[in-house]
Amino acid sequence: MNTPLEPHDPYLRTYTEPEVTSLLRELHERGKPFGIRWGSAAVNGATVDGRLLVDFGDTSVATLLNLLALLREAAQE
């Protein structure tokens, strides 16, 4: 497994709302076989220190990317 992203990683400031929305769609698709469903997850428009928040508990994009990394890894096994 790769090293998880930290919520304060400056790289996360480069993600736009359309990109994060696309990542959420990927999370929904990749998560289905594992029973992971966040139908209400969406970019909430709020930011913390320039980083977008995702609306499933106002988490950071880092959490979304870390979840996707785990699901992608699981798909390769």
C-alpha atoms as a PDB file:
ATOM      1  CA  MET A   1       0.000   0.000   0.000  1.00  0.00           C
ATOM      2  CA  ASN A   2       1.154   3.505  -0.758  1.00  0.00           C
ATOM      3  CA  THR A   3       1.658   6.007   2.011  1.00  0.00           C
ATOM      4  CA  PRO A   4      -1.693   7.662   2.798  1.00  0.00           C
ATOM      5  CA  LEU A   5      -2.087  11.304   1.924  1.00  0.00           C
ATOM      6  CA  GLU A   6      -2.230  13.705   4.828  1.00  0.00           C
ATOM      7  CA  PRO A   7      -5.100  16.236   4.948  1.00  0.00           C
ATOM      8  CA  HIS A   8      -2.614  19.136   4.934  1.00  0.00           C
ATOM      9  CA  ASP A   9      -0.742  18.021   1.795  1.00  0.00           C
ATOM     10  CA  PRO A  10      -0.371  21.140  -0.415  1.00  0.00           C
ATOM     11  CA  TYR A  11      -0.997  18.994  -3.524  1.00  0.00           C
ATOM     12  CA  LEU A  12      -4.643  18.678  -2.475  1.00  0.00           C
ATOM     13  CA  ARG A  13      -5.190  22.374  -3.205  1.00  0.00           C
ATOM     14  CA  THR A  14      -4.923  21.630  -6.913  1.00  0.00           C
ATOM     15  CA  TYR A  15      -8.158  19.599  -7.057  1.00  0.00           C
ATOM     16  CA  THR A  16     -11.155  21.359  -8.570  1.00  0.00           C
ATOM     17  CA  GLU A  17     -14.808  20.692  -7.812  1.00  0.00           C
ATOM     18  CA  PRO A  18     -15.384  18.830 -11.125  1.00  0.00           C
ATOM     19  CA  GLU A  19     -12.342  16.629 -10.458  1.00  0.00           C
ATOM     20  CA  VAL A  20     -13.519  15.769  -6.953  1.00  0.00           C
ATOM     21  CA  THR A  21     -17.022  15.063  -8.258  1.00  0.00           C
ATOM     22  CA  SER A  22     -15.487  12.633 -10.749  1.00  0.00           C
ATOM     23  CA  LEU A  23     -13.511  10.955  -7.944  1.00  0.00           C
ATOM     24  CA  LEU A  24     -16.718  10.586  -5.947  1.00  0.00           C
ATOM     25  CA  ARG A  25     -18.353   8.845  -8.917  1.00  0.00           C
ATOM     26  CA  GLU A  26     -15.382   6.482  -9.050  1.00  0.00           C
ATOM     27  CA  LEU A  27     -15.706   5.850  -5.299  1.00  0.00           C
ATOM     28  CA  HIS A  28     -19.368   4.949  -5.760  1.00  0.00           C
ATOM     29  CA  GLU A  29     -18.558   2.502  -8.573  1.00  0.00           C
ATOM     30  CA  ARG A  30     -15.525   0.899  -6.962  1.00  0.00           C
ATOM     31  CA  GLY A  31     -17.199   0.709  -3.564  1.00  0.00           C
ATOM     32  CA  LYS A  32     -20.343  -1.131  -4.722  1.00  0.00           C
ATOM     33  CA  PRO A  33     -18.812  -4.647  -4.625  1.00  0.00           C
ATOM     34  CA  PHE A  34     -17.662  -3.974  -1.055  1.00  0.00           C
ATOM     35  CA  GLY A  35     -20.975  -2.553   0.142  1.00  0.00           C
ATOM     36  CA  ILE A  36     -19.481   0.927   0.373  1.00  0.00           C
ATOM     37  CA  ARG A  37     -22.145   3.435  -0.585  1.00  0.00           C
ATOM     38  CA  TRP A  38     -22.195   7.155  -0.055  1.00  0.00           C
ATOM     39  CA  GLY A  39     -25.059   8.200  -2.259  1.00  0.00           C
ATOM     40  CA  SER A  40     -25.205  11.593  -0.643  1.00  0.00           C
ATOM     41  CA  ALA A  41     -21.462  12.275  -0.833  1.00  0.00           C
ATOM     42  CA  ALA A  42     -20.736  15.423  -2.774  1.00  0.00           C
ATOM     43  CA  VAL A  43     -18.380  18.351  -2.875  1.00  0.00           C
ATOM     44  CA  ASN A  44     -19.866  20.705  -0.332  1.00  0.00           C
ATOM     45  CA  GLY A  45     -18.249  23.907  -1.593  1.00  0.00           C
ATOM     46  CA  ALA A  46     -16.550  24.623   1.727  1.00  0.00           C
ATOM     47  CA  THR A  47     -12.789  24.750   2.061  1.00  0.00           C
ATOM     48  CA  VAL A  48     -10.287  24.523   4.867  1.00  0.00           C
ATOM     49  CA  ASP A  49      -7.041  26.331   4.130  1.00  0.00           C
ATOM     50  CA  GLY A  50      -7.766  26.163   0.401  1.00  0.00           C
ATOM     51  CA  ARG A  51      -8.722  22.479   0.313  1.00  0.00           C
ATOM     52  CA  LEU A  52     -12.207  21.383  -0.751  1.00  0.00           C
ATOM     53  CA  LEU A  53     -14.307  19.386   1.677  1.00  0.00           C
ATOM     54  CA  VAL A  54     -16.369  16.381   0.697  1.00  0.00           C
ATOM     55  CA  ASP A  55     -19.778  16.083   2.302  1.00  0.00           C
ATOM     56  CA  PHE A  56     -19.774  12.812   4.160  1.00  0.00           C
ATOM     57  CA  GLY A  57     -18.847  14.214   7.500  1.00  0.00           C
ATOM     58  CA  ASP A  58     -17.038  17.215   5.968  1.00  0.00           C
ATOM     59  CA  THR A  59     -13.959  15.171   5.306  1.00  0.00           C
ATOM     60  CA  SER A  60     -11.038  16.292   3.201  1.00  0.00           C
ATOM     61  CA  VAL A  61     -10.177  15.232  -0.313  1.00  0.00           C
ATOM     62  CA  ALA A  62      -7.267  13.311   1.249  1.00  0.00           C
ATOM     63  CA  THR A  63      -9.758  10.906   2.847  1.00  0.00           C
ATOM     64  CA  LEU A  64     -11.511  10.407  -0.485  1.00  0.00           C
ATOM     65  CA  LEU A  65      -8.222   9.730  -2.267  1.00  0.00           C
ATOM     66  CA  ASN A  66      -7.055   7.345   0.448  1.00  0.00           C
ATOM     67  CA  LEU A  67     -10.307   5.376   0.220  1.00  0.00           C
ATOM     68  CA  LEU A  68      -9.978   5.178  -3.549  1.00  0.00           C
ATOM     69  CA  ALA A  69      -6.376   3.978  -3.239  1.00  0.00           C
ATOM     70  CA  LEU A  70      -7.519   1.149  -0.973  1.00  0.00           C
ATOM     71  CA  LEU A  71     -10.332   0.172  -3.345  1.00  0.00           C
ATOM     72  CA  ARG A  72      -8.030   0.270  -6.370  1.00  0.00           C
ATOM     73  CA  GLU A  73      -5.528  -1.914  -4.540  1.00  0.00           C
ATOM     74  CA  ALA A  74      -8.265  -4.375  -3.568  1.00  0.00           C
ATOM     75  CA  ALA A  75      -9.392  -4.599  -7.212  1.00  0.00           C
ATOM     76  CA  GLN A  76      -5.896  -5.624  -8.294  1.00  0.00           C
ATOM     77  CA  GLU A  77      -5.732  -8.546  -5.870  1.00  0.00           C
END
